[in-house]
Amino acid sequence: MTDSLSIRGFVATVPNHLTTDEGLPITTFRLASTRRRFNRETKSWENGPTSWFTVSTYRQLASNVAGCVAKGDPVLVTGRLSVREWETGERSGIVVEIDADAIGHDLSWGSSAFSRTIKRSAGEGDEQGGTGGADADDANGSPGVAA
């Protein structure tokens, strides 16, 4: 059974980016989410238990996450939840995974600048003004959009 969810937390590990033999980009990282509440008696914030998730991203999202997300970043993750048990010899446990559909920085902690990913057309080279995946600006200095 899978469920969609949105969760906010902090990137707890350096994102691990790889490309499969078939050319599929994959980036994974661990996400830590800790509930905080204000204790009116002590007039201070208190941390609750931390929930740990493995976040997996694929294709363009994986490439963008590898280039933009770092350990310690506050993020919002939306995706499908899966929980599975594992066992190896004498050890066993439960893994909670999120197959991410979207990831973004949590702007309640800071600011971020968006940069559109522009894909180069097949056969388009740098001699023709190809951006190689970087942003292109029009004559007015506005970000370009790939056709």
C-alpha atoms as a PDB file:
ATOM      1  CA  MET A   1       0.000   0.000   0.000  1.00  0.00           C
ATOM      2  CA  THR A   2       1.303   3.459  -0.848  1.00  0.00           C
ATOM      3  CA  ASP A   3       0.055   6.818   0.367  1.00  0.00           C
ATOM      4  CA  SER A   4       0.904  10.344  -0.744  1.00  0.00           C
ATOM      5  CA  LEU A   5       2.260  12.723   1.824  1.00  0.00           C
ATOM      6  CA  SER A   6       4.036  16.020   2.254  1.00  0.00           C
ATOM      7  CA  ILE A   7       6.662  16.324   4.952  1.00  0.00           C
ATOM      8  CA  ARG A   8       9.132  18.951   6.070  1.00  0.00           C
ATOM      9  CA  GLY A   9      12.454  18.203   7.642  1.00  0.00           C
ATOM     10  CA  PHE A  10      16.201  18.495   7.276  1.00  0.00           C
ATOM     11  CA  VAL A  11      18.462  16.658   4.857  1.00  0.00           C
ATOM     12  CA  ALA A  12      20.441  14.425   7.225  1.00  0.00           C
ATOM     13  CA  THR A  13      22.963  12.898   4.799  1.00  0.00           C
ATOM     14  CA  VAL A  14      24.899  14.057   1.772  1.00  0.00           C
ATOM     15  CA  PRO A  15      22.661  13.290  -1.226  1.00  0.00           C
ATOM     16  CA  ASN A  16      23.969  10.210  -3.061  1.00  0.00           C
ATOM     17  CA  HIS A  17      23.700  10.608  -6.845  1.00  0.00           C
ATOM     18  CA  LEU A  18      24.268   7.816  -9.341  1.00  0.00           C
ATOM     19  CA  THR A  19      23.305   6.903 -12.874  1.00  0.00           C
ATOM     20  CA  THR A  20      22.310   3.320 -13.656  1.00  0.00           C
ATOM     21  CA  ASP A  21      23.763   1.374 -16.591  1.00  0.00           C
ATOM     22  CA  GLU A  22      20.518   2.157 -18.425  1.00  0.00           C
ATOM     23  CA  GLY A  23      21.091   5.910 -17.953  1.00  0.00           C
ATOM     24  CA  LEU A  24      18.514   6.511 -15.189  1.00  0.00           C
ATOM     25  CA  PRO A  25      19.658   9.229 -12.732  1.00  0.00           C
ATOM     26  CA  ILE A  26      18.864   8.430  -9.080  1.00  0.00           C
ATOM     27  CA  THR A  27      19.536  10.574  -6.007  1.00  0.00           C
ATOM     28  CA  THR A  28      18.777   9.448  -2.463  1.00  0.00           C
ATOM     29  CA  PHE A  29      19.196  10.996   0.972  1.00  0.00           C
ATOM     30  CA  ARG A  30      17.954  10.569   4.532  1.00  0.00           C
ATOM     31  CA  LEU A  31      15.440  13.074   5.878  1.00  0.00           C
ATOM     32  CA  ALA A  32      15.006  13.827   9.588  1.00  0.00           C
ATOM     33  CA  SER A  33      11.713  15.326  10.730  1.00  0.00           C
ATOM     34  CA  THR A  34      11.303  16.357  14.364  1.00  0.00           C
ATOM     35  CA  ARG A  35       8.050  17.681  15.766  1.00  0.00           C
ATOM     36  CA  ARG A  36       8.486  20.734  17.996  1.00  0.00           C
ATOM     37  CA  ARG A  37       5.990  22.087  20.456  1.00  0.00           C
ATOM     38  CA  PHE A  38       5.887  25.050  22.788  1.00  0.00           C
ATOM     39  CA  ASN A  39       5.713  24.126  26.486  1.00  0.00           C
ATOM     40  CA  ARG A  40       3.639  26.827  28.159  1.00  0.00           C
ATOM     41  CA  GLU A  41       4.807  25.827  31.640  1.00  0.00           C
ATOM     42  CA  THR A  42       8.518  26.235  30.898  1.00  0.00           C
ATOM     43  CA  LYS A  43       7.917  28.844  28.168  1.00  0.00           C
ATOM     44  CA  SER A  44      10.321  27.064  25.840  1.00  0.00           C
ATOM     45  CA  TRP A  45      10.278  24.958  22.705  1.00  0.00           C
ATOM     46  CA  GLU A  46      10.750  21.218  23.097  1.00  0.00           C
ATOM     47  CA  ASN A  47      11.660  18.580  20.532  1.00  0.00           C
ATOM     48  CA  GLY A  48       9.589  15.453  20.160  1.00  0.00           C
ATOM     49  CA  PRO A  49      10.848  12.213  18.636  1.00  0.00           C
ATOM     50  CA  THR A  50      12.607  12.327  15.250  1.00  0.00           C
ATOM     51  CA  SER A  51      11.149  10.402  12.323  1.00  0.00           C
ATOM     52  CA  TRP A  52      13.637   9.168   9.706  1.00  0.00           C
ATOM     53  CA  PHE A  53      12.858   8.674   6.025  1.00  0.00           C
ATOM     54  CA  THR A  54      14.870   7.551   3.005  1.00  0.00           C
ATOM     55  CA  VAL A  55      13.970   9.854   0.110  1.00  0.00           C
ATOM     56  CA  SER A  56      14.477   8.555  -3.437  1.00  0.00           C
ATOM     57  CA  THR A  57      14.328  10.710  -6.565  1.00  0.00           C
ATOM     58  CA  TYR A  58      14.557   9.749 -10.226  1.00  0.00           C
ATOM     59  CA  ARG A  59      15.175  11.312 -13.649  1.00  0.00           C
ATOM     60  CA  GLN A  60      15.277  15.144 -13.859  1.00  0.00           C
ATOM     61  CA  LEU A  61      14.277  15.539 -10.205  1.00  0.00           C
ATOM     62  CA  ALA A  62      17.284  13.405  -9.212  1.00  0.00           C
ATOM     63  CA  SER A  63      19.666  15.569 -11.250  1.00  0.00           C
ATOM     64  CA  ASN A  64      18.199  18.791  -9.830  1.00  0.00           C
ATOM     65  CA  VAL A  65      18.337  17.498  -6.240  1.00  0.00           C
ATOM     66  CA  ALA A  66      21.981  16.454  -6.690  1.00  0.00           C
ATOM     67  CA  GLY A  67      22.866  19.983  -7.799  1.00  0.00           C
ATOM     68  CA  CYS A  68      20.726  21.997  -5.375  1.00  0.00           C
ATOM     69  CA  VAL A  69      20.183  20.106  -2.117  1.00  0.00           C
ATOM     70  CA  ALA A  70      22.866  19.687   0.550  1.00  0.00           C
ATOM     71  CA  LYS A  71      23.149  18.065   3.949  1.00  0.00           C
ATOM     72  CA  GLY A  72      21.504  20.286   6.555  1.00  0.00           C
ATOM     73  CA  ASP A  73      19.079  21.996   4.153  1.00  0.00           C
ATOM     74  CA  PRO A  74      15.485  22.443   5.346  1.00  0.00           C
ATOM     75  CA  VAL A  75      13.232  20.928   2.679  1.00  0.00           C
ATOM     76  CA  LEU A  76       9.640  20.060   1.857  1.00  0.00           C
ATOM     77  CA  VAL A  77       9.135  16.658   0.232  1.00  0.00           C
ATOM     78  CA  THR A  78       5.990  15.416  -1.490  1.00  0.00           C
ATOM     79  CA  GLY A  79       5.717  11.827  -2.637  1.00  0.00           C
ATOM     80  CA  ARG A  80       4.485   8.313  -2.055  1.00  0.00           C
ATOM     81  CA  LEU A  81       5.142   6.590   1.238  1.00  0.00           C
ATOM     82  CA  SER A  82       6.145   2.956   1.521  1.00  0.00           C
ATOM     83  CA  VAL A  83       7.004   0.980   4.625  1.00  0.00           C
ATOM     84  CA  ARG A  84       8.783  -2.349   4.363  1.00  0.00           C
ATOM     85  CA  GLU A  85      10.434  -4.781   6.720  1.00  0.00           C
ATOM     86  CA  TRP A  86      13.929  -6.132   6.150  1.00  0.00           C
ATOM     87  CA  GLU A  87      15.970  -8.942   7.634  1.00  0.00           C
ATOM     88  CA  THR A  88      19.613  -9.935   7.251  1.00  0.00           C
ATOM     89  CA  GLY A  89      20.824 -12.764   9.453  1.00  0.00           C
ATOM     90  CA  GLU A  90      20.204 -11.825  13.072  1.00  0.00           C
ATOM     91  CA  ARG A  91      19.225  -8.213  12.348  1.00  0.00           C
ATOM     92  CA  SER A  92      15.872  -6.899  11.166  1.00  0.00           C
ATOM     93  CA  GLY A  93      14.098  -3.589  10.950  1.00  0.00           C
ATOM     94  CA  ILE A  94      11.637  -1.384   9.169  1.00  0.00           C
ATOM     95  CA  VAL A  95      12.484   1.059   6.391  1.00  0.00           C
ATOM     96  CA  VAL A  96      10.237   4.056   5.723  1.00  0.00           C
ATOM     97  CA  GLU A  97      10.801   5.357   2.194  1.00  0.00           C
ATOM     98  CA  ILE A  98       9.432   8.277   0.193  1.00  0.00           C
ATOM     99  CA  ASP A  99       9.418   8.058  -3.598  1.00  0.00           C
ATOM    100  CA  ALA A 100       9.530  11.820  -4.174  1.00  0.00           C
ATOM    101  CA  ASP A 101       7.425  13.644  -6.742  1.00  0.00           C
ATOM    102  CA  ALA A 102       8.670  17.117  -5.721  1.00  0.00           C
ATOM    103  CA  ILE A 103      11.262  18.630  -3.373  1.00  0.00           C
ATOM    104  CA  GLY A 104      11.865  22.256  -2.483  1.00  0.00           C
ATOM    105  CA  HIS A 105      13.661  24.329   0.107  1.00  0.00           C
ATOM    106  CA  ASP A 106      11.579  25.316   3.154  1.00  0.00           C
ATOM    107  CA  LEU A 107      11.534  29.110   2.787  1.00  0.00           C
ATOM    108  CA  SER A 108      10.483  29.643   6.400  1.00  0.00           C
ATOM    109  CA  TRP A 109      14.193  29.058   7.194  1.00  0.00           C
ATOM    110  CA  GLY A 110      15.792  31.221   4.507  1.00  0.00           C
ATOM    111  CA  SER A 111      15.647  32.324   0.904  1.00  0.00           C
ATOM    112  CA  SER A 112      16.252  30.508  -2.348  1.00  0.00           C
ATOM    113  CA  ALA A 113      16.509  31.461  -6.016  1.00  0.00           C
ATOM    114  CA  PHE A 114      14.782  29.402  -8.702  1.00  0.00           C
ATOM    115  CA  SER A 115      16.654  28.521 -11.859  1.00  0.00           C
ATOM    116  CA  ARG A 116      14.794  26.680 -14.622  1.00  0.00           C
ATOM    117  CA  THR A 117      16.471  23.585 -16.050  1.00  0.00           C
ATOM    118  CA  ILE A 118      16.679  23.864 -19.821  1.00  0.00           C
ATOM    119  CA  LYS A 119      17.297  20.707 -21.789  1.00  0.00           C
ATOM    120  CA  ARG A 120      19.293  20.874 -24.977  1.00  0.00           C
ATOM    121  CA  SER A 121      17.663  19.419 -28.104  1.00  0.00           C
ATOM    122  CA  ALA A 122      19.287  16.359 -29.648  1.00  0.00           C
ATOM    123  CA  GLY A 123      22.122  17.458 -31.934  1.00  0.00           C
ATOM    124  CA  GLU A 124      22.261  20.978 -30.483  1.00  0.00           C
ATOM    125  CA  GLY A 125      25.834  21.897 -29.667  1.00  0.00           C
ATOM    126  CA  ASP A 126      27.611  24.732 -27.913  1.00  0.00           C
ATOM    127  CA  GLU A 127      28.508  26.284 -31.265  1.00  0.00           C
ATOM    128  CA  GLN A 128      24.783  26.886 -31.788  1.00  0.00           C
ATOM    129  CA  GLY A 129      24.350  28.613 -28.454  1.00  0.00           C
ATOM    130  CA  GLY A 130      23.379  25.497 -26.521  1.00  0.00           C
ATOM    131  CA  THR A 131      23.338  26.006 -22.788  1.00  0.00           C
ATOM    132  CA  GLY A 132      24.251  22.486 -21.773  1.00  0.00           C
ATOM    133  CA  GLY A 133      21.483  22.456 -19.191  1.00  0.00           C
ATOM    134  CA  ALA A 134      22.200  25.926 -17.802  1.00  0.00           C
ATOM    135  CA  ASP A 135      19.831  28.880 -17.963  1.00  0.00           C
ATOM    136  CA  ALA A 136      19.439  30.956 -21.090  1.00  0.00           C
ATOM    137  CA  ASP A 137      18.502  34.646 -20.957  1.00  0.00           C
ATOM    138  CA  ASP A 138      16.543  36.513 -23.612  1.00  0.00           C
ATOM    139  CA  ALA A 139      17.449  40.008 -24.817  1.00  0.00           C
ATOM    140  CA  ASN A 140      15.699  41.561 -21.814  1.00  0.00           C
ATOM    141  CA  GLY A 141      17.673  39.487 -19.311  1.00  0.00           C
ATOM    142  CA  SER A 142      14.635  37.341 -18.460  1.00  0.00           C
ATOM    143  CA  PRO A 143      15.114  33.624 -18.025  1.00  0.00           C
ATOM    144  CA  GLY A 144      14.513  31.765 -21.249  1.00  0.00           C
ATOM    145  CA  VAL A 145      12.251  28.791 -21.679  1.00  0.00           C
ATOM    146  CA  ALA A 146      13.226  25.886 -23.877  1.00  0.00           C
ATOM    147  CA  ALA A 147      11.022  25.462 -26.933  1.00  0.00           C
END
